[in-house]
Amino acid sequence: MIAKASRALEAPVEELVEQQIIGSAEVLAEVVPQMTAQVLAAGLDDPQLSRLYGQAYAAFRRRRSLLLLNLEHQVQFGELPWIAALLPFRTETANAAQAARQTLTEVMFLAISGFPQTIVPNPLVGEMGALAAQAGLPVSSGVATATS
């Protein structure tokens, strides 16, 4: 009974990983979009628009993905017409970039230290990319090669 009740614990994600309530990188990948949504929504000054943007982002990340042919891609979050209408109201500040960078660092640390035996799942990689873009960090889409 205690084990089932502990699953309802509301705590920082670090504590949830430490107590093994978040027991895999896949479960972490389900939680991180909520964190990313808050970071991205912070760029909107209007609290109602911020809440709307955050909820839309979290809902978008919960959708099922498809494998498309001919290198086509699914619609991106910023390409949605109702989200594109909100983009002019977003302000890019140093605080927002710093918050994104800090969140990215925490997520990467949790993924690597909490689940060192697993490959980082694609949804988690996508969230890391969104945080890196918000932080203004360059993201390479190529495969790294070692040279001697």
N, C-alpha and C. Protein backbone atom coordinates (compact mmCIF):
# COMPACT_ATOMS: atom_id res chain seq x y z
N MET A 1 0.82 -1.18 0.00
CA MET A 1 0.00 0.00 0.00
C MET A 1 0.87 1.27 0.00
N ILE A 2 1.95 1.24 0.78
CA ILE A 2 2.84 2.40 0.86
C ILE A 2 3.51 2.62 -0.49
N ALA A 3 3.90 1.56 -1.16
CA ALA A 3 4.55 1.69 -2.47
C ALA A 3 3.59 2.33 -3.48
N LYS A 4 2.33 1.95 -3.45
CA LYS A 4 1.35 2.54 -4.37
C LYS A 4 1.08 4.00 -4.03
N ALA A 5 1.00 4.32 -2.75
CA ALA A 5 0.75 5.69 -2.33
C ALA A 5 1.95 6.59 -2.67
N SER A 6 3.15 6.04 -2.59
CA SER A 6 4.34 6.85 -2.89
C SER A 6 4.39 7.25 -4.36
N ARG A 7 3.69 6.53 -5.24
CA ARG A 7 3.65 6.88 -6.66
C ARG A 7 2.94 8.21 -6.89
N ALA A 8 2.16 8.65 -5.91
CA ALA A 8 1.44 9.92 -6.02
C ALA A 8 2.25 11.08 -5.42
N LEU A 9 3.49 10.83 -5.04
CA LEU A 9 4.33 11.85 -4.45
C LEU A 9 4.54 13.02 -5.40
N GLU A 10 4.31 14.21 -4.91
CA GLU A 10 4.59 15.41 -5.69
C GLU A 10 5.89 15.99 -5.16
N ALA A 11 6.92 15.92 -6.00
CA ALA A 11 8.26 16.33 -5.58
C ALA A 11 9.04 16.74 -6.82
N PRO A 12 10.18 17.40 -6.62
CA PRO A 12 11.03 17.70 -7.77
C PRO A 12 11.44 16.42 -8.49
N VAL A 13 11.66 16.54 -9.78
CA VAL A 13 11.97 15.36 -10.60
C VAL A 13 13.23 14.64 -10.11
N GLU A 14 14.18 15.37 -9.57
CA GLU A 14 15.40 14.76 -9.05
C GLU A 14 15.06 13.77 -7.94
N GLU A 15 14.17 14.18 -7.04
CA GLU A 15 13.77 13.31 -5.93
C GLU A 15 12.98 12.11 -6.44
N LEU A 16 12.16 12.31 -7.45
CA LEU A 16 11.39 11.20 -8.01
C LEU A 16 12.31 10.16 -8.65
N VAL A 17 13.38 10.61 -9.29
CA VAL A 17 14.35 9.67 -9.86
C VAL A 17 15.11 8.98 -8.74
N GLU A 18 15.52 9.76 -7.73
CA GLU A 18 16.29 9.21 -6.61
C GLU A 18 15.50 8.13 -5.87
N GLN A 19 14.21 8.35 -5.68
CA GLN A 19 13.37 7.38 -4.96
C GLN A 19 12.82 6.31 -5.89
N GLN A 20 13.25 6.31 -7.12
CA GLN A 20 12.88 5.33 -8.14
C GLN A 20 11.38 5.31 -8.44
N ILE A 21 10.73 6.45 -8.22
CA ILE A 21 9.34 6.59 -8.66
C ILE A 21 9.35 6.77 -10.18
N ILE A 22 10.33 7.54 -10.67
CA ILE A 22 10.62 7.56 -12.11
C ILE A 22 11.70 6.52 -12.28
N GLY A 23 11.33 5.38 -12.84
CA GLY A 23 12.22 4.24 -12.86
C GLY A 23 12.93 3.97 -14.16
N SER A 24 12.70 4.79 -15.18
CA SER A 24 13.37 4.56 -16.45
C SER A 24 13.49 5.88 -17.22
N ALA A 25 14.36 5.86 -18.22
CA ALA A 25 14.53 7.04 -19.06
C ALA A 25 13.26 7.31 -19.86
N GLU A 26 12.50 6.26 -20.18
CA GLU A 26 11.25 6.44 -20.92
C GLU A 26 10.22 7.19 -20.07
N VAL A 27 10.15 6.88 -18.80
CA VAL A 27 9.23 7.59 -17.91
C VAL A 27 9.71 9.03 -17.72
N LEU A 28 11.01 9.22 -17.61
CA LEU A 28 11.55 10.57 -17.52
C LEU A 28 11.16 11.37 -18.77
N ALA A 29 11.19 10.72 -19.93
CA ALA A 29 10.82 11.38 -21.18
C ALA A 29 9.35 11.80 -21.18
N GLU A 30 8.51 11.15 -20.40
CA GLU A 30 7.11 11.53 -20.29
C GLU A 30 6.92 12.73 -19.36
N VAL A 31 7.83 12.91 -18.42
CA VAL A 31 7.73 13.98 -17.42
C VAL A 31 8.37 15.28 -17.91
N VAL A 32 9.46 15.18 -18.64
CA VAL A 32 10.24 16.35 -19.04
C VAL A 32 9.43 17.36 -19.87
N PRO A 33 8.50 16.95 -20.75
CA PRO A 33 7.73 17.96 -21.50
C PRO A 33 6.98 18.95 -20.60
N GLN A 34 6.58 18.51 -19.43
CA GLN A 34 5.93 19.44 -18.49
C GLN A 34 6.91 20.51 -18.03
N MET A 35 8.15 20.12 -17.81
CA MET A 35 9.18 21.07 -17.39
C MET A 35 9.51 22.01 -18.55
N THR A 36 9.67 21.44 -19.74
CA THR A 36 9.98 22.24 -20.92
C THR A 36 8.86 23.24 -21.20
N ALA A 37 7.62 22.80 -21.05
CA ALA A 37 6.47 23.68 -21.30
C ALA A 37 6.53 24.90 -20.39
N GLN A 38 6.89 24.72 -19.13
CA GLN A 38 6.98 25.84 -18.20
C GLN A 38 8.10 26.80 -18.61
N VAL A 39 9.22 26.25 -19.03
CA VAL A 39 10.36 27.08 -19.43
C VAL A 39 10.00 27.89 -20.68
N LEU A 40 9.39 27.23 -21.67
CA LEU A 40 9.05 27.92 -22.91
C LEU A 40 7.93 28.93 -22.71
N ALA A 41 6.99 28.61 -21.84
CA ALA A 41 5.86 29.51 -21.59
C ALA A 41 6.29 30.75 -20.81
N ALA A 42 7.42 30.69 -20.14
CA ALA A 42 7.89 31.83 -19.36
C ALA A 42 8.21 33.03 -20.24
N GLY A 43 8.37 32.82 -21.53
CA GLY A 43 8.65 33.91 -22.44
C GLY A 43 7.45 34.78 -22.77
N LEU A 44 6.29 34.41 -22.27
CA LEU A 44 5.08 35.20 -22.49
C LEU A 44 4.74 35.96 -21.21
N ASP A 45 4.57 37.26 -21.34
CA ASP A 45 4.30 38.08 -20.15
C ASP A 45 2.88 37.92 -19.62
N ASP A 46 1.92 37.72 -20.51
CA ASP A 46 0.52 37.56 -20.11
C ASP A 46 0.34 36.18 -19.47
N PRO A 47 -0.13 36.12 -18.22
CA PRO A 47 -0.25 34.83 -17.53
C PRO A 47 -1.21 33.85 -18.24
N GLN A 48 -2.28 34.36 -18.82
CA GLN A 48 -3.22 33.48 -19.50
C GLN A 48 -2.61 32.92 -20.78
N LEU A 49 -1.91 33.76 -21.55
CA LEU A 49 -1.24 33.28 -22.76
C LEU A 49 -0.12 32.30 -22.39
N SER A 50 0.57 32.57 -21.32
CA SER A 50 1.63 31.69 -20.86
C SER A 50 1.07 30.32 -20.50
N ARG A 51 -0.02 30.29 -19.77
CA ARG A 51 -0.66 29.04 -19.38
C ARG A 51 -1.16 28.28 -20.61
N LEU A 52 -1.77 29.01 -21.55
CA LEU A 52 -2.27 28.41 -22.79
C LEU A 52 -1.12 27.80 -23.59
N TYR A 53 -0.03 28.54 -23.73
CA TYR A 53 1.12 28.08 -24.48
C TYR A 53 1.71 26.82 -23.84
N GLY A 54 1.86 26.84 -22.53
CA GLY A 54 2.41 25.69 -21.81
C GLY A 54 1.54 24.46 -21.94
N GLN A 55 0.23 24.63 -21.81
CA GLN A 55 -0.67 23.49 -21.94
C GLN A 55 -0.68 22.95 -23.36
N ALA A 56 -0.63 23.84 -24.34
CA ALA A 56 -0.61 23.41 -25.74
C ALA A 56 0.68 22.64 -26.04
N TYR A 57 1.81 23.12 -25.50
CA TYR A 57 3.08 22.44 -25.71
C TYR A 57 3.05 21.04 -25.10
N ALA A 58 2.58 20.94 -23.86
CA ALA A 58 2.52 19.64 -23.19
C ALA A 58 1.60 18.68 -23.95
N ALA A 59 0.46 19.18 -24.42
CA ALA A 59 -0.46 18.33 -25.18
C ALA A 59 0.16 17.90 -26.50
N PHE A 60 0.87 18.81 -27.15
CA PHE A 60 1.51 18.49 -28.43
C PHE A 60 2.55 17.39 -28.24
N ARG A 61 3.29 17.45 -27.17
CA ARG A 61 4.33 16.45 -26.93
C ARG A 61 3.76 15.09 -26.54
N ARG A 62 2.51 15.03 -26.09
CA ARG A 62 1.88 13.76 -25.75
C ARG A 62 1.34 13.03 -26.98
N ARG A 63 1.31 13.70 -28.14
CA ARG A 63 0.73 13.08 -29.33
C ARG A 63 1.59 11.92 -29.81
N ARG A 64 0.99 11.05 -30.58
CA ARG A 64 1.72 9.92 -31.17
C ARG A 64 2.49 10.43 -32.37
N SER A 65 3.65 9.90 -32.57
CA SER A 65 4.44 10.30 -33.73
C SER A 65 4.32 9.24 -34.82
N LEU A 66 4.58 9.67 -36.03
CA LEU A 66 4.51 8.79 -37.19
C LEU A 66 5.85 8.74 -37.89
N LEU A 67 6.12 7.64 -38.53
CA LEU A 67 7.30 7.54 -39.36
C LEU A 67 6.85 7.83 -40.79
N LEU A 68 7.32 8.92 -41.36
CA LEU A 68 6.91 9.34 -42.69
C LEU A 68 7.96 8.96 -43.72
N LEU A 69 7.55 8.87 -44.96
CA LEU A 69 8.44 8.48 -46.05
C LEU A 69 9.11 9.69 -46.69
N ASN A 70 10.14 9.43 -47.48
CA ASN A 70 10.82 10.44 -48.28
C ASN A 70 11.34 11.62 -47.46
N LEU A 71 11.85 11.33 -46.28
CA LEU A 71 12.43 12.35 -45.40
C LEU A 71 11.46 13.46 -45.03
N GLU A 72 10.16 13.19 -45.13
CA GLU A 72 9.17 14.17 -44.71
C GLU A 72 9.11 14.18 -43.19
N HIS A 73 8.62 15.26 -42.64
CA HIS A 73 8.51 15.34 -41.19
C HIS A 73 7.10 15.78 -40.80
N GLN A 74 6.75 15.44 -39.56
CA GLN A 74 5.46 15.86 -39.04
C GLN A 74 5.48 17.35 -38.77
N VAL A 75 4.31 17.91 -38.61
CA VAL A 75 4.22 19.33 -38.30
C VAL A 75 4.94 19.60 -36.98
N GLN A 76 5.66 20.69 -36.93
CA GLN A 76 6.37 21.09 -35.73
C GLN A 76 5.46 21.99 -34.88
N PHE A 77 5.77 22.08 -33.61
CA PHE A 77 4.92 22.86 -32.69
C PHE A 77 4.74 24.30 -33.15
N GLY A 78 5.82 24.95 -33.54
CA GLY A 78 5.75 26.34 -33.98
C GLY A 78 5.02 26.54 -35.29
N GLU A 79 4.77 25.46 -36.04
CA GLU A 79 4.06 25.55 -37.31
C GLU A 79 2.55 25.51 -37.15
N LEU A 80 2.08 25.16 -35.96
CA LEU A 80 0.64 25.16 -35.72
C LEU A 80 0.13 26.60 -35.80
N PRO A 81 -0.97 26.84 -36.52
CA PRO A 81 -1.43 28.23 -36.71
C PRO A 81 -1.73 28.96 -35.41
N TRP A 82 -2.32 28.27 -34.44
CA TRP A 82 -2.66 28.94 -33.18
C TRP A 82 -1.43 29.20 -32.33
N ILE A 83 -0.37 28.45 -32.52
CA ILE A 83 0.88 28.71 -31.81
C ILE A 83 1.66 29.80 -32.54
N ALA A 84 1.64 29.76 -33.86
CA ALA A 84 2.31 30.80 -34.65
C ALA A 84 1.71 32.17 -34.33
N ALA A 85 0.42 32.22 -34.02
CA ALA A 85 -0.23 33.48 -33.66
C ALA A 85 0.28 34.02 -32.32
N LEU A 86 0.77 33.13 -31.45
CA LEU A 86 1.28 33.55 -30.14
C LEU A 86 2.76 33.97 -30.19
N LEU A 87 3.48 33.52 -31.20
CA LEU A 87 4.92 33.78 -31.26
C LEU A 87 5.30 35.26 -31.20
N PRO A 88 4.53 36.18 -31.83
CA PRO A 88 4.91 37.60 -31.70
C PRO A 88 4.84 38.13 -30.26
N PHE A 89 4.12 37.44 -29.39
CA PHE A 89 3.99 37.89 -28.00
C PHE A 89 5.10 37.34 -27.11
N ARG A 90 5.93 36.44 -27.64
CA ARG A 90 7.03 35.88 -26.87
C ARG A 90 8.20 36.84 -26.87
N THR A 91 8.83 36.97 -25.74
CA THR A 91 10.03 37.80 -25.63
C THR A 91 11.19 36.90 -25.24
N GLU A 92 12.26 37.00 -25.99
CA GLU A 92 13.46 36.22 -25.70
C GLU A 92 14.34 37.04 -24.76
N THR A 93 14.46 36.60 -23.54
CA THR A 93 15.27 37.30 -22.56
C THR A 93 16.43 36.43 -22.12
N ALA A 94 17.40 37.06 -21.53
CA ALA A 94 18.54 36.31 -21.00
C ALA A 94 18.10 35.39 -19.87
N ASN A 95 17.10 35.81 -19.10
CA ASN A 95 16.60 34.96 -18.01
C ASN A 95 15.96 33.69 -18.55
N ALA A 96 15.19 33.82 -19.66
CA ALA A 96 14.54 32.66 -20.26
C ALA A 96 15.59 31.70 -20.81
N ALA A 97 16.62 32.25 -21.45
CA ALA A 97 17.69 31.41 -21.99
C ALA A 97 18.45 30.71 -20.86
N GLN A 98 18.69 31.42 -19.78
CA GLN A 98 19.39 30.83 -18.64
C GLN A 98 18.55 29.73 -17.99
N ALA A 99 17.25 29.96 -17.86
CA ALA A 99 16.36 28.93 -17.29
C ALA A 99 16.34 27.69 -18.17
N ALA A 100 16.33 27.88 -19.48
CA ALA A 100 16.34 26.75 -20.41
C ALA A 100 17.66 25.98 -20.30
N ARG A 101 18.75 26.72 -20.20
CA ARG A 101 20.07 26.08 -20.08
C ARG A 101 20.18 25.29 -18.79
N GLN A 102 19.68 25.85 -17.69
CA GLN A 102 19.72 25.17 -16.40
C GLN A 102 18.84 23.91 -16.43
N THR A 103 17.65 24.03 -17.01
CA THR A 103 16.76 22.88 -17.11
C THR A 103 17.38 21.80 -17.98
N LEU A 104 18.00 22.20 -19.09
CA LEU A 104 18.67 21.24 -19.97
C LEU A 104 19.78 20.51 -19.22
N THR A 105 20.56 21.24 -18.46
CA THR A 105 21.65 20.63 -17.69
C THR A 105 21.09 19.62 -16.69
N GLU A 106 20.02 19.99 -15.99
CA GLU A 106 19.41 19.09 -15.01
C GLU A 106 18.87 17.83 -15.68
N VAL A 107 18.19 17.99 -16.81
CA VAL A 107 17.60 16.85 -17.51
C VAL A 107 18.71 15.92 -18.01
N MET A 108 19.75 16.48 -18.59
CA MET A 108 20.86 15.65 -19.08
C MET A 108 21.53 14.90 -17.93
N PHE A 109 21.74 15.60 -16.83
CA PHE A 109 22.36 14.96 -15.66
C PHE A 109 21.48 13.82 -15.15
N LEU A 110 20.17 14.06 -15.05
CA LEU A 110 19.26 13.02 -14.57
C LEU A 110 19.25 11.81 -15.50
N ALA A 111 19.22 12.07 -16.81
CA ALA A 111 19.18 10.97 -17.77
C ALA A 111 20.45 10.12 -17.70
N ILE A 112 21.58 10.78 -17.57
CA ILE A 112 22.85 10.05 -17.58
C ILE A 112 23.13 9.40 -16.23
N SER A 113 22.94 10.13 -15.15
CA SER A 113 23.26 9.57 -13.83
C SER A 113 22.16 8.64 -13.31
N GLY A 114 20.92 8.95 -13.65
CA GLY A 114 19.82 8.12 -13.15
C GLY A 114 19.65 6.82 -13.91
N PHE A 115 19.99 6.83 -15.21
CA PHE A 115 19.77 5.66 -16.04
C PHE A 115 20.98 5.44 -16.96
N PRO A 116 22.16 5.21 -16.38
CA PRO A 116 23.37 5.11 -17.20
C PRO A 116 23.39 3.89 -18.11
N GLN A 117 22.58 2.90 -17.80
CA GLN A 117 22.60 1.66 -18.57
C GLN A 117 21.72 1.71 -19.81
N THR A 118 20.99 2.79 -20.03
CA THR A 118 20.04 2.84 -21.15
C THR A 118 20.41 3.93 -22.15
N ILE A 119 19.95 3.72 -23.36
CA ILE A 119 20.09 4.73 -24.41
C ILE A 119 19.05 5.81 -24.15
N VAL A 120 19.39 7.04 -24.38
CA VAL A 120 18.44 8.14 -24.18
C VAL A 120 17.33 8.01 -25.23
N PRO A 121 16.07 7.90 -24.80
CA PRO A 121 14.98 7.73 -25.76
C PRO A 121 14.77 8.97 -26.63
N ASN A 122 14.29 8.75 -27.84
CA ASN A 122 14.10 9.84 -28.80
C ASN A 122 13.22 10.97 -28.27
N PRO A 123 12.11 10.70 -27.57
CA PRO A 123 11.33 11.82 -27.04
C PRO A 123 12.13 12.70 -26.08
N LEU A 124 13.01 12.09 -25.31
CA LEU A 124 13.85 12.86 -24.39
C LEU A 124 14.88 13.67 -25.15
N VAL A 125 15.41 13.10 -26.22
CA VAL A 125 16.35 13.84 -27.07
C VAL A 125 15.65 15.05 -27.69
N GLY A 126 14.38 14.87 -28.09
CA GLY A 126 13.61 15.98 -28.65
C GLY A 126 13.41 17.10 -27.64
N GLU A 127 13.14 16.74 -26.39
CA GLU A 127 12.98 17.76 -25.35
C GLU A 127 14.29 18.48 -25.08
N MET A 128 15.38 17.73 -25.10
CA MET A 128 16.69 18.36 -24.92
C MET A 128 16.97 19.34 -26.06
N GLY A 129 16.56 18.98 -27.27
CA GLY A 129 16.72 19.88 -28.41
C GLY A 129 15.91 21.15 -28.27
N ALA A 130 14.68 21.01 -27.77
CA ALA A 130 13.82 22.19 -27.56
C ALA A 130 14.41 23.11 -26.50
N LEU A 131 14.95 22.53 -25.43
CA LEU A 131 15.57 23.33 -24.38
C LEU A 131 16.84 24.00 -24.89
N ALA A 132 17.62 23.26 -25.68
CA ALA A 132 18.85 23.84 -26.23
C ALA A 132 18.53 25.00 -27.16
N ALA A 133 17.49 24.86 -27.98
CA ALA A 133 17.10 25.94 -28.88
C ALA A 133 16.67 27.17 -28.08
N GLN A 134 15.91 26.96 -27.01
CA GLN A 134 15.47 28.08 -26.17
C GLN A 134 16.67 28.74 -25.49
N ALA A 135 17.67 27.93 -25.14
CA ALA A 135 18.87 28.47 -24.49
C ALA A 135 19.81 29.13 -25.47
N GLY A 136 19.54 28.98 -26.77
CA GLY A 136 20.41 29.56 -27.79
C GLY A 136 21.67 28.76 -28.02
N LEU A 137 21.63 27.49 -27.69
CA LEU A 137 22.79 26.62 -27.88
C LEU A 137 22.70 25.92 -29.23
N PRO A 138 23.81 25.79 -29.93
CA PRO A 138 23.77 25.09 -31.22
C PRO A 138 23.58 23.59 -31.00
N VAL A 139 22.79 22.99 -31.86
CA VAL A 139 22.54 21.56 -31.78
C VAL A 139 22.91 20.95 -33.11
N SER A 140 23.77 19.97 -33.08
CA SER A 140 24.18 19.29 -34.30
C SER A 140 23.26 18.11 -34.54
N SER A 141 22.81 17.94 -35.77
CA SER A 141 21.95 16.82 -36.10
C SER A 141 22.74 15.70 -36.74
N GLY A 142 24.02 15.90 -36.94
CA GLY A 142 24.85 14.87 -37.56
C GLY A 142 25.42 13.92 -36.53
N VAL A 143 26.02 12.88 -37.02
CA VAL A 143 26.66 11.88 -36.16
C VAL A 143 28.10 12.34 -35.93
N ALA A 144 28.52 12.30 -34.69
CA ALA A 144 29.89 12.70 -34.36
C ALA A 144 30.85 11.61 -34.83
N THR A 145 31.96 12.01 -35.37
CA THR A 145 32.97 11.04 -35.80
C THR A 145 34.26 11.31 -35.07
N ALA A 146 34.94 10.23 -34.74
CA ALA A 146 36.23 10.36 -34.04
C ALA A 146 37.36 10.37 -35.06
N THR A 147 38.29 11.25 -34.87
CA THR A 147 39.47 11.28 -35.72
C THR A 147 40.69 11.04 -34.86
N SER A 148 41.68 10.34 -35.43
CA SER A 148 42.87 10.07 -34.63
C SER A 148 43.93 11.11 -34.80
